[in-house]
């Protein structure tokens, strides 16, 4: 069974920093379970001590559409 929870929203840089810090605190907390807020829902996850991390940065430049930058951070593991 696959269950996906997705939320797209706009945050200020300060709000984003607080969200990422909160997520970091959950991983650093040392407990078996972490709580991740996704939109208006909280998802409980069980990461092991080592987690696979992938960071992808894309910089696009277009004369018609202007510049666009994207960063994707993916964390995955087998509990």
Protein backbone atom coordinates (compact mmCIF):
# COMPACT_ATOMS: atom_id res chain seq x y z
CA UNK A 1 0.00 0.00 0.00
CA UNK A 2 1.32 3.43 -0.93
CA UNK A 3 0.16 6.53 0.89
CA UNK A 4 1.29 9.98 -0.20
CA UNK A 5 0.77 13.26 1.65
CA UNK A 6 1.61 16.40 -0.33
CA UNK A 7 1.26 20.11 0.36
CA UNK A 8 2.36 23.03 -1.80
CA UNK A 9 2.59 26.42 -0.14
CA UNK A 10 4.52 29.66 -0.22
CA UNK A 11 6.63 30.60 2.82
CA UNK A 12 8.83 33.53 3.66
CA UNK A 13 12.53 32.76 3.99
CA UNK A 14 12.14 33.04 7.77
CA UNK A 15 9.19 30.62 7.82
CA UNK A 16 11.11 28.18 5.62
CA UNK A 17 14.15 28.36 7.93
CA UNK A 18 11.91 27.63 10.94
CA UNK A 19 10.28 24.67 9.14
CA UNK A 20 13.64 23.17 8.14
CA UNK A 21 15.03 23.74 11.65
CA UNK A 22 11.99 21.98 13.12
CA UNK A 23 12.50 19.06 10.74
CA UNK A 24 16.19 18.95 11.68
CA UNK A 25 15.26 18.94 15.37
CA UNK A 26 13.00 15.93 14.76
CA UNK A 27 15.83 13.98 13.11
CA UNK A 28 18.33 15.03 15.77
CA UNK A 29 15.98 14.21 18.66
CA UNK A 30 17.20 10.62 18.78
CA UNK A 31 13.78 9.00 19.15
CA UNK A 32 12.60 6.13 16.98
CA UNK A 33 9.74 8.18 15.51
CA UNK A 34 9.78 11.64 13.96
CA UNK A 35 6.78 13.88 13.26
CA UNK A 36 6.71 15.74 9.94
CA UNK A 37 4.16 18.48 9.32
CA UNK A 38 2.84 18.43 5.76
CA UNK A 39 0.28 21.17 5.23
CA UNK A 40 -2.37 20.72 7.92
CA UNK A 41 -1.42 17.10 8.64
CA UNK A 42 1.31 15.50 10.77
CA UNK A 43 2.91 12.31 9.46
CA UNK A 44 4.78 9.94 11.82
CA UNK A 45 7.89 8.32 10.29
CA UNK A 46 10.51 5.86 11.57
CA UNK A 47 13.91 6.63 10.01
CA UNK A 48 16.94 4.49 10.89
CA UNK A 49 20.22 6.00 12.10
CA UNK A 50 21.50 6.42 8.49
CA UNK A 51 19.36 8.12 5.84
CA UNK A 52 20.01 8.45 2.09
CA UNK A 53 20.16 12.12 1.01
CA UNK A 54 19.97 13.54 -2.52
CA UNK A 55 20.28 17.28 -3.28
CA UNK A 56 19.53 18.58 -6.78
CA UNK A 57 19.91 22.24 -7.81
CA UNK A 58 18.69 23.52 -11.19
CA UNK A 59 19.38 27.03 -12.48
CA UNK A 60 17.46 28.07 -15.59
CA UNK A 61 17.82 31.25 -17.60
CA UNK A 62 15.29 32.25 -20.25
CA UNK A 63 15.05 35.56 -22.08
CA UNK A 64 11.25 35.36 -22.13
CA UNK A 65 10.51 33.83 -18.74
CA UNK A 66 13.42 35.20 -16.69
CA UNK A 67 15.64 33.27 -14.31
CA UNK A 68 14.37 30.40 -12.18
CA UNK A 69 16.17 28.40 -9.51
CA UNK A 70 14.99 25.14 -7.94
CA UNK A 71 16.39 23.02 -5.13
CA UNK A 72 15.05 19.55 -4.40
CA UNK A 73 16.06 17.70 -1.25
CA UNK A 74 15.07 14.05 -1.06
CA UNK A 75 15.49 11.85 2.02
CA UNK A 76 14.74 8.13 1.83
CA UNK A 77 15.25 4.99 3.86
CA UNK A 78 13.88 1.58 4.68
CA UNK A 79 12.50 1.55 8.25
